[in-house]
Amino acid sequence: MTEEMKDGDLGLHNGKLAPCPKTPNGVSTDHPDPNRRMLPLPYDGISIHTAIGLLTEAIHTITKSEVIETAEDYVHACCLSNTDFWSAA
């Protein structure tokens, strides 16, 4: 994972999601730009504890992915693509 992903700038801050990094593949459920916003994943019929367990298990199966933090109602994960879309400038 990149230093930006690990240095604490991402994730929850005072109960709100931090802004996405400026990389074009960053998405969030509350991003102000609709092109970078994703809908929350629905988990109808199961508890949030079970849903978080299923989600983190699924993330661990994805190459170049890492669960950074979990809480009772939150998962912070980073998934790297196989292609660099930006340059470190």
N, C-alpha and C. Protein backbone atom coordinates (compact mmCIF):
# COMPACT_ATOMS: atom_id res chain seq x y z
N MET A 1 0.83 -1.18 0.00
CA MET A 1 0.00 0.00 0.00
C MET A 1 0.88 1.25 0.00
N THR A 2 0.36 2.30 -0.51
CA THR A 2 1.13 3.54 -0.55
C THR A 2 1.18 4.18 0.82
N GLU A 3 2.13 5.06 1.02
CA GLU A 3 2.25 5.76 2.30
C GLU A 3 0.99 6.56 2.59
N GLU A 4 0.39 7.15 1.56
CA GLU A 4 -0.83 7.93 1.77
C GLU A 4 -1.93 7.06 2.35
N MET A 5 -1.98 5.80 1.93
CA MET A 5 -3.00 4.89 2.41
C MET A 5 -2.75 4.47 3.85
N LYS A 6 -1.51 4.46 4.28
CA LYS A 6 -1.16 3.96 5.60
C LYS A 6 -0.92 5.05 6.62
N ASP A 7 -0.77 6.29 6.20
CA ASP A 7 -0.32 7.32 7.15
C ASP A 7 -1.42 7.93 7.98
N GLY A 8 -2.64 7.43 7.88
CA GLY A 8 -3.71 7.93 8.72
C GLY A 8 -4.51 9.05 8.10
N ASP A 9 -4.18 9.47 6.88
CA ASP A 9 -4.96 10.53 6.24
C ASP A 9 -6.30 10.02 5.73
N LEU A 10 -6.42 8.72 5.51
CA LEU A 10 -7.66 8.14 5.04
C LEU A 10 -8.39 7.49 6.21
N GLY A 11 -9.65 7.16 5.98
CA GLY A 11 -10.42 6.49 7.02
C GLY A 11 -11.37 7.43 7.71
N LEU A 12 -11.77 7.06 8.91
CA LEU A 12 -12.70 7.87 9.68
C LEU A 12 -11.98 8.92 10.49
N HIS A 13 -12.53 10.12 10.48
CA HIS A 13 -12.03 11.23 11.29
C HIS A 13 -13.23 11.92 11.90
N ASN A 14 -13.35 11.83 13.21
CA ASN A 14 -14.51 12.40 13.91
C ASN A 14 -15.83 11.91 13.33
N GLY A 15 -15.88 10.62 13.02
CA GLY A 15 -17.11 10.01 12.54
C GLY A 15 -17.45 10.23 11.08
N LYS A 16 -16.58 10.89 10.33
CA LYS A 16 -16.81 11.14 8.90
C LYS A 16 -15.65 10.56 8.10
N LEU A 17 -15.94 10.19 6.86
CA LEU A 17 -14.90 9.68 5.99
C LEU A 17 -13.98 10.81 5.55
N ALA A 18 -12.70 10.54 5.55
CA ALA A 18 -11.72 11.51 5.04
C ALA A 18 -11.88 11.60 3.52
N PRO A 19 -11.46 12.71 2.93
CA PRO A 19 -11.53 12.81 1.46
C PRO A 19 -10.70 11.72 0.79
N CYS A 20 -11.13 11.32 -0.39
CA CYS A 20 -10.38 10.33 -1.18
C CYS A 20 -9.05 10.94 -1.61
N PRO A 21 -8.06 10.07 -1.86
CA PRO A 21 -6.83 10.58 -2.47
C PRO A 21 -7.15 11.13 -3.86
N LYS A 22 -6.24 11.87 -4.42
CA LYS A 22 -6.48 12.49 -5.73
C LYS A 22 -6.30 11.53 -6.89
N THR A 23 -5.91 10.30 -6.61
CA THR A 23 -5.78 9.32 -7.68
C THR A 23 -7.14 9.07 -8.31
N PRO A 24 -7.19 8.81 -9.62
CA PRO A 24 -8.47 8.70 -10.31
C PRO A 24 -9.30 7.48 -9.93
N ASN A 25 -8.71 6.50 -9.28
CA ASN A 25 -9.47 5.29 -8.95
C ASN A 25 -9.97 5.28 -7.51
N GLY A 26 -9.85 6.38 -6.78
CA GLY A 26 -10.36 6.45 -5.42
C GLY A 26 -11.85 6.71 -5.42
N VAL A 27 -12.60 5.91 -4.65
CA VAL A 27 -14.05 6.09 -4.54
C VAL A 27 -14.45 6.09 -3.08
N SER A 28 -15.63 6.64 -2.82
CA SER A 28 -16.16 6.71 -1.47
C SER A 28 -17.67 6.73 -1.54
N THR A 29 -18.31 6.28 -0.48
CA THR A 29 -19.77 6.31 -0.45
C THR A 29 -20.31 7.72 -0.21
N ASP A 30 -19.46 8.67 0.18
CA ASP A 30 -19.96 10.04 0.36
C ASP A 30 -19.11 11.07 -0.36
N HIS A 31 -18.49 10.67 -1.47
CA HIS A 31 -17.68 11.60 -2.25
C HIS A 31 -18.60 12.64 -2.91
N PRO A 32 -18.24 13.93 -2.89
CA PRO A 32 -19.10 14.95 -3.50
C PRO A 32 -19.20 14.83 -5.03
N ASP A 33 -18.20 14.25 -5.68
CA ASP A 33 -18.22 14.08 -7.14
C ASP A 33 -18.97 12.79 -7.46
N PRO A 34 -20.10 12.85 -8.17
CA PRO A 34 -20.86 11.63 -8.46
C PRO A 34 -20.07 10.60 -9.26
N ASN A 35 -19.05 11.02 -9.99
CA ASN A 35 -18.22 10.07 -10.75
C ASN A 35 -17.28 9.29 -9.85
N ARG A 36 -17.11 9.71 -8.61
CA ARG A 36 -16.23 9.00 -7.68
C ARG A 36 -16.99 8.48 -6.47
N ARG A 37 -18.30 8.55 -6.53
CA ARG A 37 -19.15 8.08 -5.44
C ARG A 37 -19.66 6.68 -5.77
N MET A 38 -19.68 5.83 -4.77
CA MET A 38 -20.27 4.50 -4.94
C MET A 38 -21.37 4.33 -3.90
N LEU A 39 -22.34 3.51 -4.22
CA LEU A 39 -23.40 3.23 -3.27
C LEU A 39 -22.87 2.31 -2.18
N PRO A 40 -23.37 2.46 -0.95
CA PRO A 40 -23.00 1.50 0.10
C PRO A 40 -23.44 0.10 -0.32
N LEU A 41 -22.67 -0.89 0.07
CA LEU A 41 -23.01 -2.28 -0.26
C LEU A 41 -24.16 -2.75 0.63
N PRO A 42 -25.25 -3.24 0.05
CA PRO A 42 -26.38 -3.70 0.88
C PRO A 42 -26.12 -5.11 1.43
N TYR A 43 -26.49 -5.32 2.65
CA TYR A 43 -26.39 -6.63 3.29
C TYR A 43 -27.72 -6.91 3.98
N ASP A 44 -28.76 -7.08 3.19
CA ASP A 44 -30.10 -7.30 3.73
C ASP A 44 -30.20 -8.69 4.36
N GLY A 45 -30.82 -8.73 5.51
CA GLY A 45 -31.11 -10.02 6.14
C GLY A 45 -30.00 -10.59 7.00
N ILE A 46 -28.88 -9.90 7.13
CA ILE A 46 -27.81 -10.39 8.02
C ILE A 46 -27.36 -9.25 8.93
N SER A 47 -26.72 -9.61 10.02
CA SER A 47 -26.26 -8.59 10.95
C SER A 47 -25.06 -7.84 10.39
N ILE A 48 -24.83 -6.65 10.90
CA ILE A 48 -23.67 -5.88 10.44
C ILE A 48 -22.37 -6.61 10.78
N HIS A 49 -22.34 -7.30 11.91
CA HIS A 49 -21.14 -8.07 12.29
C HIS A 49 -20.85 -9.15 11.24
N THR A 50 -21.89 -9.87 10.82
CA THR A 50 -21.72 -10.90 9.78
C THR A 50 -21.32 -10.25 8.46
N ALA A 51 -21.95 -9.13 8.11
CA ALA A 51 -21.64 -8.45 6.86
C ALA A 51 -20.18 -8.01 6.81
N ILE A 52 -19.69 -7.43 7.90
CA ILE A 52 -18.29 -7.00 7.95
C ILE A 52 -17.36 -8.20 7.82
N GLY A 53 -17.70 -9.30 8.45
CA GLY A 53 -16.89 -10.50 8.31
C GLY A 53 -16.84 -11.00 6.89
N LEU A 54 -17.99 -11.04 6.21
CA LEU A 54 -18.03 -11.48 4.81
C LEU A 54 -17.24 -10.53 3.91
N LEU A 55 -17.41 -9.23 4.14
CA LEU A 55 -16.69 -8.24 3.33
C LEU A 55 -15.18 -8.37 3.51
N THR A 56 -14.71 -8.46 4.73
CA THR A 56 -13.26 -8.55 4.95
C THR A 56 -12.70 -9.87 4.39
N GLU A 57 -13.46 -10.95 4.49
CA GLU A 57 -13.03 -12.21 3.88
C GLU A 57 -12.89 -12.04 2.37
N ALA A 58 -13.86 -11.39 1.74
CA ALA A 58 -13.81 -11.18 0.29
C ALA A 58 -12.62 -10.30 -0.10
N ILE A 59 -12.36 -9.25 0.66
CA ILE A 59 -11.23 -8.36 0.36
C ILE A 59 -9.92 -9.12 0.42
N HIS A 60 -9.78 -10.02 1.38
CA HIS A 60 -8.54 -10.79 1.52
C HIS A 60 -8.28 -11.72 0.33
N THR A 61 -9.29 -11.99 -0.48
CA THR A 61 -9.10 -12.85 -1.65
C THR A 61 -8.64 -12.07 -2.88
N ILE A 62 -8.65 -10.73 -2.81
CA ILE A 62 -8.30 -9.89 -3.95
C ILE A 62 -6.81 -9.57 -3.90
N THR A 63 -6.11 -9.86 -4.99
CA THR A 63 -4.69 -9.56 -5.08
C THR A 63 -4.45 -8.07 -4.87
N LYS A 64 -3.38 -7.73 -4.18
CA LYS A 64 -2.98 -6.34 -3.90
C LYS A 64 -4.03 -5.58 -3.10
N SER A 65 -4.74 -6.29 -2.23
CA SER A 65 -5.75 -5.65 -1.39
C SER A 65 -5.43 -5.89 0.07
N GLU A 66 -5.82 -4.94 0.89
CA GLU A 66 -5.51 -5.02 2.31
C GLU A 66 -6.62 -4.33 3.10
N VAL A 67 -7.05 -4.99 4.17
CA VAL A 67 -7.97 -4.35 5.11
C VAL A 67 -7.11 -3.53 6.06
N ILE A 68 -7.33 -2.24 6.09
CA ILE A 68 -6.54 -1.34 6.92
C ILE A 68 -7.14 -1.22 8.31
N GLU A 69 -8.46 -1.11 8.39
CA GLU A 69 -9.12 -0.89 9.67
C GLU A 69 -10.55 -1.39 9.60
N THR A 70 -11.04 -1.96 10.70
CA THR A 70 -12.45 -2.29 10.81
C THR A 70 -12.96 -1.74 12.13
N ALA A 71 -14.23 -1.43 12.14
CA ALA A 71 -14.93 -0.99 13.35
C ALA A 71 -16.30 -1.64 13.32
N GLU A 72 -17.15 -1.35 14.28
CA GLU A 72 -18.44 -2.03 14.33
C GLU A 72 -19.34 -1.69 13.15
N ASP A 73 -19.09 -0.57 12.46
CA ASP A 73 -19.93 -0.20 11.32
C ASP A 73 -19.11 0.37 10.16
N TYR A 74 -17.86 -0.07 10.03
CA TYR A 74 -16.95 0.57 9.07
C TYR A 74 -15.83 -0.38 8.68
N VAL A 75 -15.49 -0.39 7.39
CA VAL A 75 -14.32 -1.12 6.89
C VAL A 75 -13.53 -0.18 6.00
N HIS A 76 -12.25 -0.03 6.28
CA HIS A 76 -11.34 0.75 5.44
C HIS A 76 -10.41 -0.26 4.77
N ALA A 77 -10.53 -0.35 3.45
CA ALA A 77 -9.71 -1.27 2.67
C ALA A 77 -9.07 -0.53 1.51
N CYS A 78 -7.92 -0.98 1.10
CA CYS A 78 -7.23 -0.43 -0.07
C CYS A 78 -6.97 -1.55 -1.05
N CYS A 79 -7.29 -1.28 -2.31
CA CYS A 79 -7.06 -2.24 -3.39
C CYS A 79 -6.25 -1.53 -4.46
N LEU A 80 -5.11 -2.06 -4.78
CA LEU A 80 -4.26 -1.47 -5.81
C LEU A 80 -4.53 -2.14 -7.14
N SER A 81 -4.50 -1.35 -8.19
CA SER A 81 -4.68 -1.89 -9.53
C SER A 81 -3.35 -2.40 -10.05
N ASN A 82 -3.40 -3.16 -11.12
CA ASN A 82 -2.18 -3.67 -11.74
C ASN A 82 -1.53 -2.64 -12.65
N THR A 83 -2.21 -1.54 -12.89
CA THR A 83 -1.71 -0.49 -13.77
C THR A 83 -1.64 0.81 -12.99
N ASP A 84 -0.57 1.54 -13.17
CA ASP A 84 -0.47 2.85 -12.56
C ASP A 84 -1.18 3.85 -13.47
N PHE A 85 -2.17 4.54 -12.91
CA PHE A 85 -2.92 5.53 -13.68
C PHE A 85 -2.38 6.93 -13.49
N TRP A 86 -1.46 7.10 -12.60
CA TRP A 86 -0.92 8.41 -12.30
C TRP A 86 0.58 8.28 -12.07
N SER A 87 1.24 9.37 -12.05
CA SER A 87 2.68 9.33 -11.75
C SER A 87 2.92 10.05 -10.44
N ALA A 88 3.92 9.63 -9.74
CA ALA A 88 4.28 10.28 -8.47
C ALA A 88 4.99 11.57 -8.80
N ALA A 89 4.28 12.66 -8.68
CA ALA A 89 4.87 13.96 -9.02
C ALA A 89 4.99 14.82 -7.79
